[in-house]
Amino acid sequence: MTELALYISNIRYKRYYELCKPKVVLLIVFTAVVGMLLSTPGPIPVDLFIYATTGIALASASGAAINHWVDQRIDTIMDRTKNRPLPQGDMSGISAIVFAISLGVIAMIILVTQVNMITALLTLTSLIGYAVIYTMFLKRTTPQNIVLGGAAGAAPPVLGWAAMTGEVNTEALLLFLIIFIWTPPHFWALAIKRKDEYARAGLPMLPVTHGIAFTKIHILLYTLMLVAVTLMPFAIKMTGLVYLAGAISLGIGFIYHAYKLYRTGNSDAHAMKTFAYSIFYLSALFAFLLADHYVRILLRDYFI
């Protein structure tokens, strides 16, 4: 009986963990951490780093869990999401929303008391932007939902920067802009593949309202714009040659995938490869930002 109870308990914890969308939160936390590390030329306080990372991660998990709660009807319709905890009946809606709100409250307490007020306010704004404005309204009312709602997902580097410095400057906003422009081509590639599911769910995603060919043109245009934006950190001397080389090579790869997707016409062929590359692209781009930052510090210290 004890072993059975332990097994059931482990399953339950796993389902709560799934509510947090851990893969998405991991990418969010990574970009926030990059923002923290880029914000100062020297070492950052370890305790502040831990508190800020924990608070941002918990807030992100809270937003993800609220998204599960709000979208539970839609999730039962879509093949991609029908195995989530709520559609499967593994927990009640009340349990999910209490869990989500609890995570959000803990995150705000940590950020207010251990980090700073500006980070707490920005994080709360981002949480409301994603969980309420995007999930409850934009997602259901406009094909530009992911463009308008992308601001919430682009906020993590700014949150990390503000956590370390107590302010938001041009460089932090440039990191925000990169993710903001990256979001539409990233998500629209997935939306092309899941077009029929979104249509059944009644969601006005761009491929549903304007067609696949129209969406592919916009993916290519946004990708070209993204590559141009990613050169701006080098142009303003925020980064050096290591980042520039990475941004150019990664950008060429993204343009290749976007163009190949565009060439497939009304087919969803190459959509998931483009989607997968977009995730790799953002992770690698921010890794290059980090590598460039520390290479420049090492060179500065060496020559000084």
Protein backbone atom coordinates (compact mmCIF):
# COMPACT_ATOMS: atom_id res chain seq x y z
CA MET A 1 0.00 0.00 0.00
CA THR A 2 2.84 2.36 0.83
CA GLU A 3 4.55 1.67 -2.50
CA LEU A 4 1.29 2.28 -4.38
CA ALA A 5 0.71 5.56 -2.54
CA LEU A 6 4.28 6.66 -3.32
CA TYR A 7 3.78 5.77 -6.98
CA ILE A 8 0.55 7.76 -7.19
CA SER A 9 2.21 10.68 -5.40
CA ASN A 10 5.11 10.69 -7.88
CA ILE A 11 2.68 10.70 -10.81
CA ARG A 12 0.82 13.62 -9.27
CA TYR A 13 4.02 15.63 -8.76
CA LYS A 14 5.02 14.90 -12.34
CA ARG A 15 1.73 16.28 -13.64
CA TYR A 16 2.14 19.48 -11.60
CA TYR A 17 5.63 19.75 -13.03
CA GLU A 18 4.19 19.44 -16.54
CA LEU A 19 1.83 22.34 -15.80
CA CYS A 20 4.90 24.56 -15.57
CA LYS A 21 5.99 23.88 -19.17
CA PRO A 22 9.56 23.16 -18.02
CA LYS A 23 11.18 23.31 -21.49
CA VAL A 24 9.70 26.75 -22.16
CA VAL A 25 10.63 27.97 -18.68
CA LEU A 26 14.19 26.70 -19.16
CA LEU A 27 14.62 28.86 -22.28
CA ILE A 28 13.06 31.84 -20.48
CA VAL A 29 15.40 31.44 -17.51
CA PHE A 30 18.41 31.03 -19.79
CA THR A 31 17.72 34.33 -21.59
CA ALA A 32 17.11 36.02 -18.22
CA VAL A 33 20.43 34.70 -16.91
CA VAL A 34 22.20 35.98 -20.02
CA GLY A 35 20.65 39.39 -19.31
CA MET A 36 22.00 39.24 -15.75
CA LEU A 37 25.51 38.30 -16.82
CA LEU A 38 25.66 40.86 -19.62
CA SER A 39 24.51 43.68 -17.35
CA THR A 40 27.86 44.14 -15.65
CA PRO A 41 31.51 43.72 -16.68
CA GLY A 42 32.39 42.15 -13.37
CA PRO A 43 31.14 39.27 -11.24
CA ILE A 44 27.52 39.43 -10.10
CA PRO A 45 26.42 38.77 -6.49
CA VAL A 46 25.70 35.07 -6.12
CA ASP A 47 22.84 35.51 -3.67
CA LEU A 48 21.13 38.10 -5.86
CA PHE A 49 21.61 35.84 -8.88
CA ILE A 50 19.96 32.91 -7.10
CA TYR A 51 17.01 34.95 -5.83
CA ALA A 52 16.43 36.63 -9.20
CA THR A 53 16.67 33.38 -11.15
CA THR A 54 14.31 31.62 -8.74
CA GLY A 55 11.77 34.44 -8.79
CA ILE A 56 11.75 34.74 -12.59
CA ALA A 57 11.53 30.96 -12.99
CA LEU A 58 8.59 30.67 -10.57
CA ALA A 59 6.77 33.56 -12.25
CA SER A 60 7.27 31.94 -15.65
CA ALA A 61 5.99 28.62 -14.31
CA SER A 62 2.99 30.43 -12.84
CA GLY A 63 2.14 31.94 -16.22
CA ALA A 64 2.49 28.54 -17.89
CA ALA A 65 0.17 26.90 -15.35
CA ILE A 66 -2.43 29.66 -15.75
CA ASN A 67 -2.20 29.08 -19.51
CA HIS A 68 -3.03 25.40 -18.92
CA TRP A 69 -6.02 26.35 -16.79
CA VAL A 70 -7.39 28.91 -19.26
CA ASP A 71 -6.83 26.70 -22.32
CA GLN A 72 -8.11 23.41 -20.93
CA ARG A 73 -11.12 23.33 -23.32
CA ILE A 74 -8.91 24.11 -26.31
CA ASP A 75 -6.31 21.59 -25.17
CA THR A 76 -8.85 18.75 -25.34
CA ILE A 77 -9.40 19.52 -29.05
CA MET A 78 -5.79 19.78 -30.19
CA ASP A 79 -3.66 16.67 -30.69
CA ARG A 80 -0.56 18.53 -29.50
CA THR A 81 -2.08 19.34 -26.11
CA LYS A 82 -4.74 16.72 -25.41
CA ASN A 83 -2.41 14.74 -23.14
CA ARG A 84 -1.81 17.64 -20.78
CA PRO A 85 -2.82 17.12 -17.13
CA LEU A 86 -6.17 18.97 -17.22
CA PRO A 87 -7.57 17.46 -20.45
CA GLN A 88 -6.60 14.03 -19.12
CA GLY A 89 -8.46 14.68 -15.87
CA ASP A 90 -5.35 14.08 -13.74
CA MET A 91 -6.17 17.09 -11.58
CA SER A 92 -9.02 19.53 -11.09
CA GLY A 93 -9.10 23.04 -12.49
CA ILE A 94 -9.20 24.39 -8.94
CA SER A 95 -6.00 22.54 -8.03
CA ALA A 96 -4.26 23.87 -11.13
CA ILE A 97 -5.22 27.52 -10.62
CA VAL A 98 -4.38 27.44 -6.89
CA PHE A 99 -0.99 25.96 -7.77
CA ALA A 100 -0.43 28.61 -10.46
CA ILE A 101 -1.39 31.53 -8.22
CA SER A 102 0.74 30.16 -5.38
CA LEU A 103 3.79 30.06 -7.64
CA GLY A 104 3.13 33.64 -8.73
CA VAL A 105 2.74 34.90 -5.16
CA ILE A 106 5.96 33.19 -4.03
CA ALA A 107 7.78 34.64 -7.06
CA MET A 108 6.62 38.17 -6.25
CA ILE A 109 7.58 37.85 -2.57
CA ILE A 110 11.08 36.73 -3.54
CA LEU A 111 11.54 39.49 -6.12
CA VAL A 112 10.16 42.28 -3.92
CA THR A 113 12.03 41.32 -0.75
CA GLN A 114 15.28 39.91 -2.14
CA VAL A 115 15.83 41.55 -5.53
CA ASN A 116 14.27 44.95 -6.26
CA MET A 117 10.93 46.56 -6.98
CA ILE A 118 11.52 47.30 -10.65
CA THR A 119 12.23 43.63 -11.38
CA ALA A 120 9.13 42.59 -9.45
CA LEU A 121 6.93 45.07 -11.32
CA LEU A 122 8.33 44.12 -14.72
CA THR A 123 7.93 40.43 -13.94
CA LEU A 124 4.35 40.93 -12.78
CA THR A 125 3.59 42.92 -15.94
CA SER A 126 5.08 40.15 -18.06
CA LEU A 127 3.07 37.51 -16.19
CA ILE A 128 -0.19 39.41 -16.67
CA GLY A 129 0.72 40.09 -20.30
CA TYR A 130 1.12 36.40 -21.06
CA ALA A 131 -1.40 34.72 -18.77
CA VAL A 132 -4.20 37.27 -19.09
CA ILE A 133 -3.81 39.65 -22.04
CA TYR A 134 -2.39 37.11 -24.50
CA THR A 135 -3.95 33.84 -23.34
CA MET A 136 -7.42 35.11 -22.47
CA PHE A 137 -7.89 37.82 -25.10
CA LEU A 138 -5.37 38.23 -27.92
CA LYS A 139 -5.06 34.52 -28.66
CA ARG A 140 -8.80 34.30 -29.21
CA THR A 141 -9.47 37.53 -31.08
CA THR A 142 -6.74 38.46 -33.58
CA PRO A 143 -4.39 36.71 -36.05
CA GLN A 144 -1.71 39.13 -34.84
CA ASN A 145 -1.99 37.57 -31.38
CA ILE A 146 1.56 36.28 -31.26
CA VAL A 147 2.97 39.61 -32.49
CA LEU A 148 1.08 41.70 -29.94
CA GLY A 149 1.51 39.15 -27.17
CA GLY A 150 5.18 38.56 -27.92
CA ALA A 151 6.24 41.35 -25.61
CA ALA A 152 5.62 39.19 -22.55
CA GLY A 153 7.82 36.40 -23.86
CA ALA A 154 10.55 38.86 -24.82
CA ALA A 155 10.85 40.33 -21.34
CA PRO A 156 13.20 37.83 -19.54
CA PRO A 157 16.55 39.42 -20.53
CA VAL A 158 15.20 42.78 -19.36
CA LEU A 159 14.11 41.21 -16.07
CA GLY A 160 17.56 39.73 -15.59
CA TRP A 161 19.25 43.03 -16.43
CA ALA A 162 17.01 44.98 -14.05
CA ALA A 163 17.60 42.44 -11.28
CA MET A 164 21.35 43.11 -11.33
CA THR A 165 21.38 46.86 -12.04
CA GLY A 166 18.03 48.18 -10.83
CA GLU A 167 17.43 49.82 -14.19
CA VAL A 168 16.59 49.16 -17.84
CA ASN A 169 18.86 50.65 -20.49
CA THR A 170 19.19 50.57 -24.27
CA GLU A 171 21.21 47.35 -24.33
CA ALA A 172 18.57 45.51 -22.27
CA LEU A 173 15.85 46.76 -24.61
CA LEU A 174 17.85 45.53 -27.59
CA LEU A 175 17.84 42.02 -26.12
CA PHE A 176 14.09 42.41 -25.71
CA LEU A 177 13.74 43.46 -29.36
CA ILE A 178 15.64 40.41 -30.60
CA ILE A 179 13.25 37.98 -28.88
CA PHE A 180 10.24 40.11 -29.81
CA ILE A 181 11.08 39.87 -33.54
CA TRP A 182 12.07 36.18 -33.21
CA THR A 183 8.74 35.13 -31.72
CA PRO A 184 6.43 35.41 -34.78
CA PRO A 185 8.51 33.33 -37.23
CA HIS A 186 9.17 30.81 -34.46
CA PHE A 187 5.52 30.37 -33.56
CA TRP A 188 4.03 30.70 -37.05
CA ALA A 189 6.13 27.75 -38.26
CA LEU A 190 4.42 25.60 -35.61
CA ALA A 191 1.03 27.16 -36.42
CA ILE A 192 1.39 26.09 -40.06
CA LYS A 193 1.86 22.49 -38.98
CA ARG A 194 -1.05 22.70 -36.53
CA LYS A 195 -3.33 24.81 -38.75
CA ASP A 196 -6.23 22.33 -38.78
CA GLU A 197 -6.09 21.88 -35.02
CA TYR A 198 -6.20 25.63 -34.42
CA ALA A 199 -9.12 25.90 -36.84
CA ARG A 200 -11.05 23.19 -34.94
CA ALA A 201 -10.36 25.00 -31.69
CA GLY A 202 -11.67 28.28 -33.14
CA LEU A 203 -8.38 30.17 -32.71
CA PRO A 204 -7.62 32.86 -35.33
CA MET A 205 -3.99 31.97 -35.93
CA LEU A 206 -2.46 33.55 -39.03
CA PRO A 207 -2.41 30.35 -41.15
CA VAL A 208 -6.10 29.83 -40.32
CA THR A 209 -7.27 33.35 -41.16
CA HIS A 210 -4.91 34.27 -44.01
CA GLY A 211 -3.64 30.95 -45.32
CA ILE A 212 -0.35 29.09 -45.27
CA ALA A 213 1.27 30.90 -48.21
CA PHE A 214 0.60 34.31 -46.63
CA THR A 215 2.04 33.11 -43.33
CA LYS A 216 5.18 31.82 -45.00
CA ILE A 217 5.85 35.19 -46.60
CA HIS A 218 5.60 36.80 -43.18
CA ILE A 219 7.91 34.20 -41.64
CA LEU A 220 10.53 35.02 -44.27
CA LEU A 221 10.09 38.79 -43.84
CA TYR A 222 10.31 38.58 -40.04
CA THR A 223 13.39 36.36 -40.32
CA LEU A 224 15.14 38.91 -42.51
CA MET A 225 14.18 41.63 -40.06
CA LEU A 226 15.43 39.49 -37.17
CA VAL A 227 18.84 38.97 -38.75
CA ALA A 228 19.16 42.73 -39.25
CA VAL A 229 18.20 43.40 -35.62
CA THR A 230 20.72 40.86 -34.32
CA LEU A 231 23.52 42.88 -35.92
CA MET A 232 22.63 45.93 -33.84
CA PRO A 233 24.48 44.82 -30.67
CA PHE A 234 27.70 44.82 -32.68
CA ALA A 235 26.81 48.12 -34.36
CA ILE A 236 26.44 49.89 -31.00
CA LYS A 237 29.62 48.20 -29.68
CA MET A 238 27.70 46.18 -27.13
CA THR A 239 29.37 43.04 -28.51
CA GLY A 240 32.47 42.06 -30.45
CA LEU A 241 33.55 39.79 -33.28
CA VAL A 242 32.70 36.51 -31.52
CA TYR A 243 29.04 37.47 -31.33
CA LEU A 244 29.05 38.96 -34.84
CA ALA A 245 30.34 35.73 -36.35
CA GLY A 246 27.75 33.72 -34.46
CA ALA A 247 24.88 36.06 -35.33
CA ILE A 248 25.72 36.03 -39.04
CA SER A 249 26.16 32.25 -39.29
CA LEU A 250 23.02 31.53 -37.28
CA GLY A 251 21.10 34.14 -39.27
CA ILE A 252 22.10 32.55 -42.57
CA GLY A 253 20.78 29.25 -41.23
CA PHE A 254 17.45 30.78 -40.21
CA ILE A 255 17.05 32.52 -43.59
CA TYR A 256 17.78 29.20 -45.31
CA HIS A 257 15.03 27.43 -43.36
CA ALA A 258 12.54 30.29 -43.77
CA TYR A 259 13.18 30.44 -47.52
CA LYS A 260 12.96 26.67 -47.90
CA LEU A 261 9.65 26.75 -46.00
CA TYR A 262 8.43 29.58 -48.25
CA ARG A 263 9.28 27.53 -51.35
CA THR A 264 7.01 24.67 -50.27
CA GLY A 265 3.88 26.65 -51.22
CA ASN A 266 0.71 25.61 -49.41
CA SER A 267 2.30 22.52 -47.90
CA ASP A 268 3.34 22.22 -44.26
CA ALA A 269 6.55 20.50 -45.35
CA HIS A 270 9.62 21.86 -43.55
CA ALA A 271 7.48 23.70 -40.99
CA MET A 272 8.63 21.65 -38.01
CA LYS A 273 12.27 21.78 -39.13
CA THR A 274 11.99 25.56 -39.23
CA PHE A 275 10.34 25.55 -35.81
CA ALA A 276 13.05 23.32 -34.35
CA TYR A 277 15.81 25.47 -35.85
CA SER A 278 14.24 28.61 -34.41
CA ILE A 279 14.58 27.19 -30.88
CA PHE A 280 18.20 26.22 -31.52
CA TYR A 281 18.79 29.64 -33.09
CA LEU A 282 17.69 31.66 -30.08
CA SER A 283 19.55 29.46 -27.60
CA ALA A 284 22.75 29.58 -29.65
CA LEU A 285 22.46 33.33 -30.28
CA PHE A 286 22.27 34.07 -26.57
CA ALA A 287 25.11 31.64 -25.94
CA PHE A 288 27.21 33.66 -28.39
CA LEU A 289 26.24 36.85 -26.54
CA LEU A 290 27.54 35.29 -23.35
CA ALA A 291 30.71 33.89 -24.91
CA ASP A 292 31.50 37.22 -26.54
CA HIS A 293 30.97 39.05 -23.24
CA TYR A 294 33.50 36.94 -21.37
CA VAL A 295 36.02 36.81 -24.21
CA ARG A 296 36.05 40.61 -24.25
CA ILE A 297 36.51 40.69 -20.46
CA LEU A 298 39.42 38.26 -20.67
CA LEU A 299 41.07 40.25 -23.45
CA ARG A 300 40.58 43.51 -21.58
CA ASP A 301 42.09 42.09 -18.40
CA TYR A 302 44.95 40.49 -20.33
CA PHE A 303 45.96 43.68 -22.12
CA ILE A 304 45.46 45.86 -19.06
